[in-house]
Amino acid sequence: MKLSPKEMERLTVFMAAELARRRKERGVKLNHPETVAYISDWACEAAREGKSVSQIRSEATQLLTREDVMDGVPSMVDMIQVEPVFPDGTKLVTIHEPIRADSREQLEVVDPGPGEEFDREATGTEPNDADETDAEAE
């Protein structure tokens, strides 16, 4: 069997991702290379299944939480770029901040609570108007 360099790279990513999947199933926290391989392999398979670039970017951020990876890994993996093969060819997919907070932290960030949003119609001002007025008064 003769494989191109790109096919060899894909198999390497798959093997690293398979190791990461097995470790994750056993509750072992993933390190940096395992984390990147896990998400990259998923993105490649999702593209082969026909998912769009936007679907992959969105869903890839839901694969791992901070609880799944070693300390420090989320800050090291702020972006992953992978070139999966789609039905219409190869495309570059960039996944920003692929490791999100755990589910409890996500709820706190997503739901700021009542009254936290700026209501332009109720106040009749722009968000920075009050800041400028306060600064001029001093």
N, C-alpha and C. Protein backbone atom coordinates (compact mmCIF):
# COMPACT_ATOMS: atom_id res chain seq x y z
N MET A 1 0.85 -1.17 0.00
CA MET A 1 0.00 0.00 0.00
C MET A 1 0.90 1.23 0.00
N LYS A 2 0.64 2.13 -0.94
CA LYS A 2 1.40 3.37 -1.01
C LYS A 2 0.49 4.52 -0.61
N LEU A 3 0.95 5.29 0.35
CA LEU A 3 0.18 6.42 0.83
C LEU A 3 0.92 7.72 0.55
N SER A 4 0.15 8.73 0.22
CA SER A 4 0.74 10.05 0.00
C SER A 4 1.11 10.66 1.36
N PRO A 5 1.93 11.69 1.36
CA PRO A 5 2.26 12.35 2.63
C PRO A 5 1.01 12.85 3.36
N LYS A 6 0.03 13.35 2.62
CA LYS A 6 -1.21 13.83 3.25
C LYS A 6 -1.98 12.67 3.89
N GLU A 7 -2.01 11.52 3.23
CA GLU A 7 -2.68 10.35 3.79
C GLU A 7 -1.94 9.83 5.03
N MET A 8 -0.62 9.90 5.01
CA MET A 8 0.17 9.50 6.18
C MET A 8 -0.12 10.43 7.36
N GLU A 9 -0.22 11.72 7.07
CA GLU A 9 -0.53 12.70 8.11
C GLU A 9 -1.91 12.42 8.70
N ARG A 10 -2.86 12.12 7.84
CA ARG A 10 -4.23 11.84 8.29
C ARG A 10 -4.25 10.62 9.20
N LEU A 11 -3.50 9.58 8.84
CA LEU A 11 -3.45 8.38 9.68
C LEU A 11 -2.77 8.65 11.02
N THR A 12 -1.78 9.51 11.02
CA THR A 12 -1.12 9.88 12.27
C THR A 12 -2.10 10.60 13.19
N VAL A 13 -2.86 11.53 12.63
CA VAL A 13 -3.87 12.25 13.42
C VAL A 13 -4.91 11.26 13.95
N PHE A 14 -5.34 10.33 13.11
CA PHE A 14 -6.32 9.34 13.54
C PHE A 14 -5.80 8.51 14.71
N MET A 15 -4.56 8.05 14.61
CA MET A 15 -4.00 7.21 15.68
C MET A 15 -3.89 7.99 16.99
N ALA A 16 -3.44 9.24 16.91
CA ALA A 16 -3.36 10.07 18.12
C ALA A 16 -4.75 10.32 18.69
N ALA A 17 -5.72 10.54 17.81
CA ALA A 17 -7.10 10.78 18.25
C ALA A 17 -7.70 9.52 18.88
N GLU A 18 -7.39 8.38 18.32
CA GLU A 18 -7.89 7.12 18.88
C GLU A 18 -7.33 6.90 20.28
N LEU A 19 -6.07 7.19 20.47
CA LEU A 19 -5.46 7.10 21.79
C LEU A 19 -6.15 8.08 22.75
N ALA A 20 -6.41 9.29 22.28
CA ALA A 20 -7.09 10.30 23.10
C ALA A 20 -8.50 9.85 23.46
N ARG A 21 -9.23 9.27 22.51
CA ARG A 21 -10.59 8.79 22.79
C ARG A 21 -10.57 7.72 23.88
N ARG A 22 -9.63 6.79 23.77
CA ARG A 22 -9.54 5.72 24.77
C ARG A 22 -9.21 6.27 26.15
N ARG A 23 -8.29 7.22 26.18
CA ARG A 23 -7.92 7.82 27.47
C ARG A 23 -9.10 8.60 28.05
N LYS A 24 -9.79 9.34 27.22
CA LYS A 24 -10.94 10.12 27.69
C LYS A 24 -12.02 9.19 28.25
N GLU A 25 -12.27 8.07 27.58
CA GLU A 25 -13.26 7.09 28.05
C GLU A 25 -12.90 6.55 29.43
N ARG A 26 -11.59 6.43 29.69
CA ARG A 26 -11.13 5.93 31.00
C ARG A 26 -11.04 7.04 32.04
N GLY A 27 -11.34 8.27 31.65
CA GLY A 27 -11.30 9.38 32.59
C GLY A 27 -9.94 10.04 32.72
N VAL A 28 -9.02 9.71 31.82
CA VAL A 28 -7.69 10.32 31.84
C VAL A 28 -7.77 11.66 31.12
N LYS A 29 -7.23 12.70 31.74
CA LYS A 29 -7.25 14.03 31.13
C LYS A 29 -6.28 14.07 29.95
N LEU A 30 -6.70 14.75 28.89
CA LEU A 30 -5.91 14.81 27.66
C LEU A 30 -4.85 15.90 27.72
N ASN A 31 -3.69 15.61 27.11
CA ASN A 31 -2.64 16.61 27.00
C ASN A 31 -2.82 17.41 25.71
N HIS A 32 -1.91 18.31 25.43
CA HIS A 32 -2.04 19.20 24.26
C HIS A 32 -2.15 18.43 22.94
N PRO A 33 -1.18 17.54 22.60
CA PRO A 33 -1.29 16.83 21.31
C PRO A 33 -2.55 15.97 21.19
N GLU A 34 -2.93 15.34 22.29
CA GLU A 34 -4.14 14.51 22.26
C GLU A 34 -5.38 15.36 22.03
N THR A 35 -5.42 16.51 22.65
CA THR A 35 -6.56 17.42 22.50
C THR A 35 -6.69 17.89 21.06
N VAL A 36 -5.59 18.31 20.47
CA VAL A 36 -5.60 18.79 19.08
C VAL A 36 -5.99 17.65 18.14
N ALA A 37 -5.44 16.47 18.36
CA ALA A 37 -5.76 15.32 17.51
C ALA A 37 -7.23 14.93 17.64
N TYR A 38 -7.75 14.92 18.85
CA TYR A 38 -9.15 14.55 19.12
C TYR A 38 -10.10 15.44 18.32
N ILE A 39 -9.89 16.75 18.41
CA ILE A 39 -10.77 17.70 17.73
C ILE A 39 -10.53 17.68 16.22
N SER A 40 -9.28 17.59 15.80
CA SER A 40 -8.96 17.57 14.37
C SER A 40 -9.55 16.36 13.68
N ASP A 41 -9.42 15.20 14.30
CA ASP A 41 -9.96 13.97 13.72
C ASP A 41 -11.48 14.06 13.62
N TRP A 42 -12.11 14.58 14.66
CA TRP A 42 -13.57 14.73 14.62
C TRP A 42 -13.97 15.63 13.46
N ALA A 43 -13.25 16.74 13.27
CA ALA A 43 -13.56 17.67 12.19
C ALA A 43 -13.41 17.01 10.82
N CYS A 44 -12.37 16.21 10.65
CA CYS A 44 -12.16 15.51 9.38
C CYS A 44 -13.30 14.53 9.09
N GLU A 45 -13.71 13.80 10.11
CA GLU A 45 -14.80 12.84 9.92
C GLU A 45 -16.13 13.55 9.69
N ALA A 46 -16.35 14.66 10.38
CA ALA A 46 -17.59 15.42 10.20
C ALA A 46 -17.68 15.96 8.77
N ALA A 47 -16.56 16.39 8.22
CA ALA A 47 -16.54 16.88 6.83
C ALA A 47 -16.87 15.74 5.87
N ARG A 48 -16.30 14.58 6.11
CA ARG A 48 -16.59 13.43 5.24
C ARG A 48 -18.05 13.03 5.30
N GLU A 49 -18.70 13.27 6.45
CA GLU A 49 -20.11 12.94 6.61
C GLU A 49 -21.02 13.99 5.99
N GLY A 50 -20.44 15.10 5.52
CA GLY A 50 -21.23 16.11 4.83
C GLY A 50 -21.59 17.34 5.64
N LYS A 51 -21.04 17.49 6.85
CA LYS A 51 -21.33 18.69 7.63
C LYS A 51 -20.65 19.90 6.99
N SER A 52 -21.24 21.06 7.18
CA SER A 52 -20.68 22.29 6.61
C SER A 52 -19.55 22.82 7.50
N VAL A 53 -18.79 23.77 6.95
CA VAL A 53 -17.71 24.39 7.71
C VAL A 53 -18.27 25.04 8.98
N SER A 54 -19.38 25.77 8.85
CA SER A 54 -19.94 26.45 10.03
C SER A 54 -20.44 25.44 11.07
N GLN A 55 -21.02 24.33 10.63
CA GLN A 55 -21.45 23.30 11.58
C GLN A 55 -20.25 22.73 12.33
N ILE A 56 -19.19 22.47 11.60
CA ILE A 56 -17.99 21.89 12.22
C ILE A 56 -17.40 22.87 13.23
N ARG A 57 -17.29 24.14 12.83
CA ARG A 57 -16.74 25.15 13.74
C ARG A 57 -17.57 25.24 15.02
N SER A 58 -18.86 25.21 14.88
CA SER A 58 -19.76 25.33 16.04
C SER A 58 -19.72 24.08 16.92
N GLU A 59 -19.89 22.92 16.32
CA GLU A 59 -19.98 21.68 17.08
C GLU A 59 -18.64 21.26 17.69
N ALA A 60 -17.55 21.63 17.06
CA ALA A 60 -16.22 21.25 17.58
C ALA A 60 -15.94 21.87 18.94
N THR A 61 -16.58 23.00 19.22
CA THR A 61 -16.36 23.66 20.52
C THR A 61 -17.14 22.99 21.65
N GLN A 62 -17.93 21.98 21.32
CA GLN A 62 -18.72 21.28 22.32
C GLN A 62 -18.17 19.90 22.64
N LEU A 63 -17.04 19.54 22.04
CA LEU A 63 -16.49 18.20 22.22
C LEU A 63 -15.79 18.01 23.57
N LEU A 64 -15.01 18.99 23.97
CA LEU A 64 -14.22 18.88 25.20
C LEU A 64 -14.47 20.07 26.11
N THR A 65 -14.41 19.82 27.40
CA THR A 65 -14.49 20.91 28.37
C THR A 65 -13.16 20.96 29.13
N ARG A 66 -13.02 21.95 29.97
CA ARG A 66 -11.81 22.07 30.79
C ARG A 66 -11.62 20.85 31.68
N GLU A 67 -12.71 20.20 32.02
CA GLU A 67 -12.64 19.00 32.86
C GLU A 67 -12.01 17.82 32.12
N ASP A 68 -12.02 17.85 30.79
CA ASP A 68 -11.50 16.74 29.98
C ASP A 68 -10.01 16.83 29.71
N VAL A 69 -9.41 17.99 29.96
CA VAL A 69 -8.01 18.20 29.58
C VAL A 69 -7.16 18.58 30.79
N MET A 70 -5.85 18.41 30.65
CA MET A 70 -4.92 18.77 31.72
C MET A 70 -4.92 20.28 31.93
N ASP A 71 -4.51 20.68 33.14
CA ASP A 71 -4.39 22.10 33.45
C ASP A 71 -3.46 22.78 32.45
N GLY A 72 -3.84 23.95 32.01
CA GLY A 72 -3.01 24.71 31.08
C GLY A 72 -3.30 24.45 29.61
N VAL A 73 -3.92 23.33 29.30
CA VAL A 73 -4.18 22.99 27.90
C VAL A 73 -5.14 23.98 27.24
N PRO A 74 -6.23 24.40 27.90
CA PRO A 74 -7.13 25.35 27.23
C PRO A 74 -6.44 26.63 26.77
N SER A 75 -5.50 27.13 27.56
CA SER A 75 -4.80 28.36 27.15
C SER A 75 -3.80 28.09 26.02
N MET A 76 -3.31 26.86 25.91
CA MET A 76 -2.38 26.52 24.83
C MET A 76 -3.11 26.28 23.51
N VAL A 77 -4.37 25.88 23.59
CA VAL A 77 -5.13 25.55 22.39
C VAL A 77 -6.21 26.62 22.20
N ASP A 78 -5.80 27.78 21.74
CA ASP A 78 -6.79 28.85 21.52
C ASP A 78 -7.38 28.78 20.12
N MET A 79 -6.73 28.00 19.24
CA MET A 79 -7.23 27.86 17.87
C MET A 79 -6.67 26.57 17.27
N ILE A 80 -7.50 25.89 16.50
CA ILE A 80 -7.06 24.71 15.76
C ILE A 80 -7.43 24.93 14.30
N GLN A 81 -6.47 24.68 13.42
CA GLN A 81 -6.74 24.76 11.98
C GLN A 81 -6.52 23.38 11.38
N VAL A 82 -7.48 22.95 10.61
CA VAL A 82 -7.42 21.64 9.98
C VAL A 82 -7.98 21.76 8.57
N GLU A 83 -7.50 20.92 7.66
CA GLU A 83 -7.97 20.94 6.27
C GLU A 83 -8.65 19.62 5.93
N PRO A 84 -9.90 19.47 6.34
CA PRO A 84 -10.62 18.23 6.03
C PRO A 84 -11.09 18.19 4.58
N VAL A 85 -11.38 16.99 4.12
CA VAL A 85 -11.88 16.79 2.77
C VAL A 85 -13.41 16.79 2.82
N PHE A 86 -14.00 17.75 2.15
CA PHE A 86 -15.45 17.87 2.03
C PHE A 86 -15.87 17.23 0.71
N PRO A 87 -17.17 16.99 0.52
CA PRO A 87 -17.62 16.43 -0.76
C PRO A 87 -17.19 17.26 -1.97
N ASP A 88 -17.02 18.58 -1.77
CA ASP A 88 -16.62 19.44 -2.88
C ASP A 88 -15.15 19.86 -2.83
N GLY A 89 -14.36 19.19 -2.01
CA GLY A 89 -12.92 19.47 -1.97
C GLY A 89 -12.41 19.79 -0.57
N THR A 90 -11.13 20.09 -0.49
CA THR A 90 -10.49 20.41 0.78
C THR A 90 -10.69 21.87 1.13
N LYS A 91 -11.00 22.13 2.40
CA LYS A 91 -11.19 23.51 2.87
C LYS A 91 -10.48 23.66 4.21
N LEU A 92 -10.01 24.87 4.48
CA LEU A 92 -9.40 25.18 5.76
C LEU A 92 -10.50 25.52 6.76
N VAL A 93 -10.49 24.83 7.89
CA VAL A 93 -11.46 25.08 8.95
C VAL A 93 -10.69 25.57 10.17
N THR A 94 -11.06 26.73 10.67
CA THR A 94 -10.43 27.29 11.87
C THR A 94 -11.43 27.23 13.01
N ILE A 95 -11.03 26.59 14.08
CA ILE A 95 -11.88 26.44 15.26
C ILE A 95 -11.27 27.29 16.37
N HIS A 96 -11.97 28.35 16.74
CA HIS A 96 -11.48 29.26 17.78
C HIS A 96 -11.97 28.81 19.15
N GLU A 97 -11.09 28.89 20.13
CA GLU A 97 -11.39 28.50 21.51
C GLU A 97 -12.15 27.17 21.57
N PRO A 98 -11.51 26.10 21.12
CA PRO A 98 -12.20 24.82 21.04
C PRO A 98 -12.53 24.18 22.38
N ILE A 99 -11.85 24.59 23.45
CA ILE A 99 -12.13 24.00 24.76
C ILE A 99 -12.88 25.03 25.58
N ARG A 100 -14.13 24.74 25.82
CA ARG A 100 -14.99 25.66 26.56
C ARG A 100 -15.02 25.28 28.03
N ALA A 101 -15.68 26.11 28.79
CA ALA A 101 -15.83 25.85 30.22
C ALA A 101 -16.71 24.62 30.42
N ASP A 102 -16.72 24.11 31.64
CA ASP A 102 -17.63 22.99 31.91
C ASP A 102 -19.06 23.48 31.83
N SER A 103 -20.01 22.58 31.86
CA SER A 103 -21.41 22.94 31.62
C SER A 103 -21.94 23.96 32.64
N ARG A 104 -21.52 23.87 33.90
CA ARG A 104 -21.98 24.81 34.92
C ARG A 104 -21.47 26.22 34.62
N GLU A 105 -20.18 26.34 34.26
CA GLU A 105 -19.61 27.64 33.93
C GLU A 105 -20.26 28.22 32.69
N GLN A 106 -20.58 27.38 31.71
CA GLN A 106 -21.21 27.87 30.49
C GLN A 106 -22.55 28.52 30.81
N LEU A 107 -23.32 27.93 31.71
CA LEU A 107 -24.61 28.51 32.06
C LEU A 107 -24.43 29.89 32.68
N GLU A 108 -23.41 30.06 33.51
CA GLU A 108 -23.17 31.35 34.13
C GLU A 108 -22.81 32.40 33.09
N VAL A 109 -22.05 32.02 32.08
CA VAL A 109 -21.64 32.97 31.05
C VAL A 109 -22.79 33.27 30.10
N VAL A 110 -23.54 32.25 29.71
CA VAL A 110 -24.60 32.41 28.74
C VAL A 110 -25.79 33.17 29.32
N ASP A 111 -26.10 32.98 30.59
CA ASP A 111 -27.26 33.60 31.20
C ASP A 111 -26.83 34.66 32.21
N PRO A 112 -26.65 35.91 31.78
CA PRO A 112 -26.19 36.94 32.69
C PRO A 112 -27.24 37.37 33.71
N GLY A 113 -28.49 36.99 33.50
CA GLY A 113 -29.54 37.35 34.44
C GLY A 113 -30.32 38.56 33.97
N PRO A 114 -31.45 38.85 34.64
CA PRO A 114 -32.29 39.97 34.21
C PRO A 114 -31.60 41.31 34.47
N GLY A 115 -31.86 42.26 33.59
CA GLY A 115 -31.36 43.61 33.78
C GLY A 115 -29.90 43.82 33.42
N GLU A 116 -29.22 42.81 32.93
CA GLU A 116 -27.81 42.95 32.61
C GLU A 116 -27.59 43.51 31.21
N GLU A 117 -28.58 43.42 30.36
CA GLU A 117 -28.44 43.91 28.99
C GLU A 117 -28.73 45.40 28.93
N PHE A 118 -28.02 46.10 28.07
CA PHE A 118 -28.25 47.53 27.88
C PHE A 118 -29.50 47.71 27.05
N ASP A 119 -30.43 48.51 27.51
CA ASP A 119 -31.68 48.74 26.81
C ASP A 119 -31.69 50.18 26.29
N ARG A 120 -31.34 50.34 25.02
CA ARG A 120 -31.22 51.66 24.39
C ARG A 120 -32.56 52.39 24.39
N GLU A 121 -33.66 51.69 24.11
CA GLU A 121 -34.96 52.35 24.04
C GLU A 121 -35.40 52.86 25.41
N ALA A 122 -35.13 52.10 26.45
CA ALA A 122 -35.56 52.50 27.80
C ALA A 122 -34.78 53.70 28.31
N THR A 123 -33.49 53.79 27.97
CA THR A 123 -32.67 54.87 28.51
C THR A 123 -32.55 56.06 27.58
N GLY A 124 -32.74 55.83 26.28
CA GLY A 124 -32.62 56.91 25.30
C GLY A 124 -31.18 57.34 25.07
N THR A 125 -30.23 56.54 25.54
CA THR A 125 -28.82 56.88 25.36
C THR A 125 -28.07 55.73 24.72
N GLU A 126 -26.90 56.01 24.24
CA GLU A 126 -26.00 54.99 23.73
C GLU A 126 -25.20 54.43 24.91
N PRO A 127 -24.62 53.25 24.79
CA PRO A 127 -23.90 52.65 25.90
C PRO A 127 -22.80 53.54 26.48
N ASN A 128 -22.12 54.35 25.68
CA ASN A 128 -21.00 55.14 26.19
C ASN A 128 -21.39 56.57 26.56
N ASP A 129 -22.64 56.98 26.32
CA ASP A 129 -23.06 58.34 26.63
C ASP A 129 -22.86 58.67 28.11
N ALA A 130 -23.24 57.77 28.99
CA ALA A 130 -23.13 58.02 30.42
C ALA A 130 -21.67 58.16 30.83
N ASP A 131 -20.80 57.35 30.24
CA ASP A 131 -19.38 57.44 30.57
C ASP A 131 -18.81 58.79 30.18
N GLU A 132 -19.18 59.29 28.99
CA GLU A 132 -18.67 60.57 28.53
C GLU A 132 -19.19 61.71 29.40
N THR A 133 -20.46 61.66 29.79
CA THR A 133 -21.05 62.70 30.63
C THR A 133 -20.37 62.73 31.99
N ASP A 134 -20.13 61.55 32.57
CA ASP A 134 -19.46 61.48 33.86
C ASP A 134 -18.05 62.03 33.79
N ALA A 135 -17.35 61.74 32.69
CA ALA A 135 -15.97 62.21 32.54
C ALA A 135 -15.93 63.73 32.39
N GLU A 136 -16.92 64.31 31.68
CA GLU A 136 -16.95 65.76 31.48
C GLU A 136 -17.28 66.47 32.78
N ALA A 137 -18.11 65.86 33.64
CA ALA A 137 -18.53 66.47 34.89
C ALA A 137 -17.37 66.59 35.87
N GLU A 138 -16.40 65.71 35.78
CA GLU A 138 -15.28 65.72 36.72
C GLU A 138 -14.33 66.75 36.34
